[in-house]
Protein backbone atom coordinates (compact mmCIF):
# COMPACT_ATOMS: atom_id res chain seq x y z
CA UNK A 1 -3.89 -11.77 27.14
CA UNK A 2 -3.01 -8.97 24.72
CA UNK A 3 -5.10 -6.41 26.63
CA UNK A 4 -3.19 -7.18 29.81
CA UNK A 5 0.12 -6.76 28.01
CA UNK A 6 -1.02 -3.25 27.13
CA UNK A 7 -1.79 -2.65 30.81
CA UNK A 8 1.71 -3.77 31.75
CA UNK A 9 3.13 -1.17 29.38
CA UNK A 10 0.92 1.68 30.60
CA UNK A 11 3.01 4.69 31.65
CA UNK A 12 6.10 3.20 30.00
CA UNK A 13 7.42 5.37 27.22
CA UNK A 14 9.24 2.56 25.43
CA UNK A 15 7.79 -0.85 24.59
CA UNK A 16 11.14 -2.54 23.95
CA UNK A 17 14.75 -2.14 25.12
CA UNK A 18 16.17 1.20 24.06
CA UNK A 19 16.96 4.76 25.09
CA UNK A 20 16.95 8.26 23.66
CA UNK A 21 20.75 8.22 23.70
CA UNK A 22 20.95 5.06 21.61
CA UNK A 23 18.25 6.17 19.18
CA UNK A 24 19.97 9.52 18.60
CA UNK A 25 23.24 7.67 17.96
CA UNK A 26 21.47 5.56 15.34
CA UNK A 27 19.73 8.58 13.79
CA UNK A 28 23.17 10.13 13.25
CA UNK A 29 23.87 7.28 10.80
CA UNK A 30 21.46 8.86 8.32
CA UNK A 31 23.42 10.68 5.63
CA UNK A 32 20.52 11.84 3.54
CA UNK A 33 19.67 15.17 2.01
CA UNK A 34 20.16 18.29 4.10
CA UNK A 35 16.79 19.61 2.90
CA UNK A 36 13.27 18.36 3.73
CA UNK A 37 13.02 14.59 4.02
CA UNK A 38 10.20 12.10 4.38
CA UNK A 39 10.61 9.63 7.26
CA UNK A 40 8.53 6.55 8.08
CA UNK A 41 8.61 5.32 11.68
CA UNK A 42 7.51 1.67 11.51
CA UNK A 43 6.03 0.06 14.63
CA UNK A 44 6.24 3.43 16.37
CA UNK A 45 4.54 2.37 19.62
CA UNK A 46 3.82 5.41 21.76
CA UNK A 47 6.04 7.64 19.65
CA UNK A 48 9.21 7.82 21.76
CA UNK A 49 11.37 7.83 18.65
CA UNK A 50 8.82 9.63 16.49
CA UNK A 51 9.36 12.86 18.37
CA UNK A 52 13.10 12.28 18.63
CA UNK A 53 13.13 12.07 14.82
CA UNK A 54 11.21 15.34 14.64
CA UNK A 55 13.83 16.93 16.90
CA UNK A 56 16.83 15.42 15.13
CA UNK A 57 15.53 16.35 11.67
CA UNK A 58 13.71 19.67 12.03
CA UNK A 59 12.92 19.87 8.31
CA UNK A 60 11.53 16.35 8.07
CA UNK A 61 7.98 15.09 7.87
CA UNK A 62 7.45 11.95 9.94
CA UNK A 63 4.74 9.37 9.34
CA UNK A 64 4.43 7.01 12.33
CA UNK A 65 2.57 3.72 11.94
CA UNK A 66 1.47 1.11 14.46
CA UNK A 67 -1.32 -1.48 14.69
CA UNK A 68 -2.50 0.02 17.99
CA UNK A 69 -4.80 2.93 17.17
CA UNK A 70 -4.57 4.29 20.73
CA UNK A 71 -0.86 4.79 20.24
CA UNK A 72 -1.17 6.50 16.85
CA UNK A 73 -4.06 8.67 18.08
CA UNK A 74 -1.95 9.79 21.04
CA UNK A 75 0.87 10.72 18.67
CA UNK A 76 -1.49 12.94 16.68
CA UNK A 77 -2.74 14.58 19.89
CA UNK A 78 0.80 15.21 21.14
CA UNK A 79 1.86 16.57 17.76
CA UNK A 80 -1.05 19.02 17.85
CA UNK A 81 -0.15 20.15 21.38
CA UNK A 82 3.50 20.66 20.46
CA UNK A 83 2.75 22.49 17.24
CA UNK A 84 4.08 19.66 15.09
CA UNK A 85 0.90 18.50 13.36
CA UNK A 86 2.22 19.78 10.04
CA UNK A 87 5.26 17.50 10.36
CA UNK A 88 4.20 14.50 12.47
CA UNK A 89 1.27 12.17 11.77
CA UNK A 90 0.25 8.90 13.40
CA UNK A 91 -1.53 6.30 11.27
CA UNK A 92 -2.98 2.96 12.39
CA UNK A 93 -1.49 0.53 9.89
CA UNK A 94 0.21 -2.86 9.82
CA UNK A 95 3.85 -2.91 8.76
CA UNK A 96 2.99 -5.98 6.69
CA UNK A 97 0.29 -4.15 4.73
CA UNK A 98 1.69 -0.69 4.05
CA UNK A 99 -0.14 1.04 1.22
CA UNK A 100 2.14 4.01 0.64
CA UNK A 101 3.18 4.92 -2.87
CA UNK A 102 6.47 3.56 -4.11
CA UNK A 103 9.57 5.70 -3.52
CA UNK A 104 7.84 7.78 -0.84
CA UNK A 105 10.49 7.90 1.89
CA UNK A 106 14.06 9.00 2.38
CA UNK A 107 14.37 7.04 5.64
CA UNK A 108 12.50 4.08 7.09
CA UNK A 109 13.11 3.86 10.82
CA UNK A 110 12.29 0.70 12.81
CA UNK A 111 13.47 0.60 16.42
CA UNK A 112 12.67 -2.73 18.10
CA UNK A 113 9.92 -3.54 15.61
CA UNK A 114 11.17 -5.30 12.47
CA UNK A 115 11.07 -8.65 14.29
CA UNK A 116 7.24 -8.49 14.05
CA UNK A 117 7.46 -9.13 10.32
CA UNK A 118 10.93 -10.65 10.22
CA UNK A 119 14.21 -9.03 9.21
CA UNK A 120 14.40 -10.53 5.74
CA UNK A 121 10.73 -9.89 5.03
CA UNK A 122 10.93 -6.31 6.23
CA UNK A 123 13.93 -5.50 4.05
CA UNK A 124 12.23 -7.08 1.06
CA UNK A 125 8.74 -5.62 1.48
CA UNK A 126 9.75 -2.11 2.54
CA UNK A 127 12.31 -1.54 -0.20
CA UNK A 128 9.76 -0.35 -2.77
CA UNK A 129 8.69 2.46 -0.44
CA UNK A 130 12.22 3.92 -0.33
CA UNK A 131 13.45 6.56 -2.73
CA UNK A 132 16.63 5.79 -4.64
CA UNK A 133 19.46 6.21 -2.14
CA UNK A 134 17.01 6.03 0.74
CA UNK A 135 17.95 4.51 4.08
CA UNK A 136 16.62 1.84 6.38
CA UNK A 137 17.88 2.19 9.94
CA UNK A 138 16.60 -0.54 12.23
CA UNK A 139 17.44 -2.50 15.33
CA UNK A 140 17.46 -6.28 15.26
CA UNK A 141 18.13 -9.00 17.81
CA UNK A 142 21.51 -10.66 17.24
CA UNK A 143 23.82 -13.21 18.76
CA UNK A 144 26.69 -11.59 20.66
CA UNK A 145 28.64 -14.83 20.88
CA UNK A 146 29.68 -17.46 18.37
CA UNK A 147 28.63 -20.21 20.77
CA UNK A 148 25.29 -19.40 22.45
CA UNK A 149 24.03 -21.83 25.05
CA UNK A 150 21.56 -24.57 24.20
CA UNK A 151 18.98 -22.79 26.36
CA UNK A 152 19.33 -19.57 24.37
CA UNK A 153 19.16 -21.38 21.05
CA UNK A 154 15.99 -23.19 22.08
CA UNK A 155 14.46 -19.98 23.45
CA UNK A 156 15.07 -18.01 20.28
CA UNK A 157 14.09 -20.83 17.94
CA UNK A 158 10.67 -20.53 19.55
CA UNK A 159 10.55 -16.75 19.92
CA UNK A 160 12.25 -15.52 16.73
CA UNK A 161 14.20 -17.94 14.59
CA UNK A 162 15.73 -15.17 12.45
CA UNK A 163 18.20 -14.25 15.18
CA UNK A 164 21.73 -14.42 13.78
CA UNK A 165 25.20 -12.92 14.11
CA UNK A 166 25.96 -9.37 13.00
CA UNK A 167 28.13 -10.73 10.19
CA UNK A 168 25.27 -12.81 8.82
CA UNK A 169 22.81 -9.93 9.17
CA UNK A 170 25.13 -7.82 7.03
CA UNK A 171 25.11 -10.58 4.41
CA UNK A 172 21.31 -10.58 4.48
CA UNK A 173 21.29 -6.81 3.99
CA UNK A 174 23.50 -7.10 0.92
CA UNK A 175 21.54 -10.06 -0.46
CA UNK A 176 18.38 -7.96 -0.21
CA UNK A 177 19.89 -5.36 -2.54
CA UNK A 178 21.07 -2.76 -0.05
CA UNK A 179 24.46 -1.22 0.51
CA UNK A 180 25.46 -1.86 4.12
CA UNK A 181 26.60 1.29 5.88
CA UNK A 182 27.14 0.75 9.60
CA UNK A 183 26.09 -1.09 12.74
CA UNK A 184 26.59 -1.02 16.49
CA UNK A 185 25.49 -3.10 19.46
CA UNK A 186 22.92 -1.52 21.78
CA UNK A 187 24.33 -1.05 25.26
CA UNK A 188 23.19 -3.37 28.04
CA UNK A 189 21.73 -0.54 30.15
CA UNK A 190 19.06 -0.10 27.46
CA UNK A 191 17.80 -3.53 28.46
CA UNK A 192 18.30 -3.27 32.24
CA UNK A 193 17.98 0.30 33.47
CA UNK A 194 15.76 1.62 30.69
CA UNK A 195 13.46 -1.35 30.12
CA UNK A 196 13.34 -4.43 32.33
CA UNK A 197 13.85 -2.66 35.68
CA UNK A 198 10.93 -0.23 35.20
CA UNK A 199 8.91 -3.02 33.56
CA UNK A 200 9.32 -5.25 36.61
CA UNK A 201 8.17 -2.40 38.86
CA UNK A 202 5.11 -1.99 36.67
CA UNK A 203 4.43 -5.73 36.73
CA UNK A 204 4.34 -5.74 40.54
CA UNK A 205 1.64 -3.07 40.45
CA UNK A 206 -0.44 -4.82 37.78
CA UNK A 207 -0.11 -8.19 39.52
CA UNK A 208 -1.44 -6.84 42.80
CA UNK A 209 -4.52 -5.49 41.02
CA UNK A 210 -5.36 -8.71 39.16
CA UNK A 211 -4.89 -11.49 41.71
CA UNK A 212 -6.86 -14.52 40.57
CA UNK A 213 -7.24 -13.28 37.00
CA UNK A 214 -5.87 -16.13 34.89
CA UNK A 215 -5.45 -14.12 31.67
CA UNK A 216 -3.66 -11.30 33.47
CA UNK A 217 -1.34 -13.71 35.28
CA UNK A 218 -0.50 -15.44 32.00
CA UNK A 219 0.59 -12.15 30.43
CA UNK A 220 2.55 -11.12 33.53
CA UNK A 221 4.31 -14.46 33.89
CA UNK A 222 5.32 -14.37 30.22
CA UNK A 223 7.01 -11.00 30.72
CA UNK A 224 8.66 -12.16 33.95
CA UNK A 225 10.08 -15.25 32.22
CA UNK A 226 11.42 -13.11 29.40
CA UNK A 227 13.14 -10.73 31.83
CA UNK A 228 14.58 -13.55 33.94
CA UNK A 229 15.89 -15.29 30.84
CA UNK A 230 17.62 -12.14 29.61
CA UNK A 231 19.32 -11.54 32.93
CA UNK A 232 20.58 -15.14 32.90
CA UNK A 233 21.86 -14.97 29.31
CA UNK A 234 22.54 -11.26 28.71
CA UNK A 235 25.98 -11.75 27.22
CA UNK A 236 24.66 -14.10 24.56
CA UNK A 237 22.23 -11.88 22.68
CA UNK A 238 21.12 -8.28 22.36
CA UNK A 239 20.04 -5.65 19.88
CA UNK A 240 22.18 -4.14 17.16
CA UNK A 241 21.32 -1.16 15.00
CA UNK A 242 21.95 -1.44 11.26
CA UNK A 243 21.97 1.26 8.61
CA UNK A 244 21.72 0.52 4.89
CA UNK A 245 21.06 2.33 1.64
CA UNK A 246 18.82 1.23 -1.21
CA UNK A 247 21.09 0.49 -4.14
């Protein structure tokens, strides 16, 4: 099924809800050194934010990691074409098995990816790779209401049981030994206009090419259910960006 999920996301720049506008807003939360900085883009996907980071921080070196080697190879190729190979590198690596030296990075960036390891686990495991005073800026799925529906609770208990309110996420940040800096809720259009609408158009194309293929239909139906569920419960959950500093 995984291969067909990749087909669904072909020609889509982003693999999760988001936008350049929102990412740039979150990048502005970084208050690090004005000089050269080392940035790690965790779960970089196709590099949408990798190259935004290179633009936003023209003196930074960005290391982008993902478990899909096609994605990280394409980042290296694009960096070469754009004359950025001295500042941008893609590496095939799991976020759960990072082998960088301790205190390597000024900023760890994780847009739409920390859920793959879990919010608490990510904050705990990645901390050693941050320099003193280094930042983590990441997006995380959160409840947007104090009383989510039973359907949403059941859905997220199965999909990602670390979903919580922004207030409780801030507590988790502080318990993990960081100084909480800021947060904001990702706008709804990042889910609709920038993600699910183009994704549904792509699904129609993939579906027509794989009629009768059980594995392909399973992947497609999973994505359709996810989109339908969001549209039915959009006010109950969403993404929020969080910025924090290693204390």
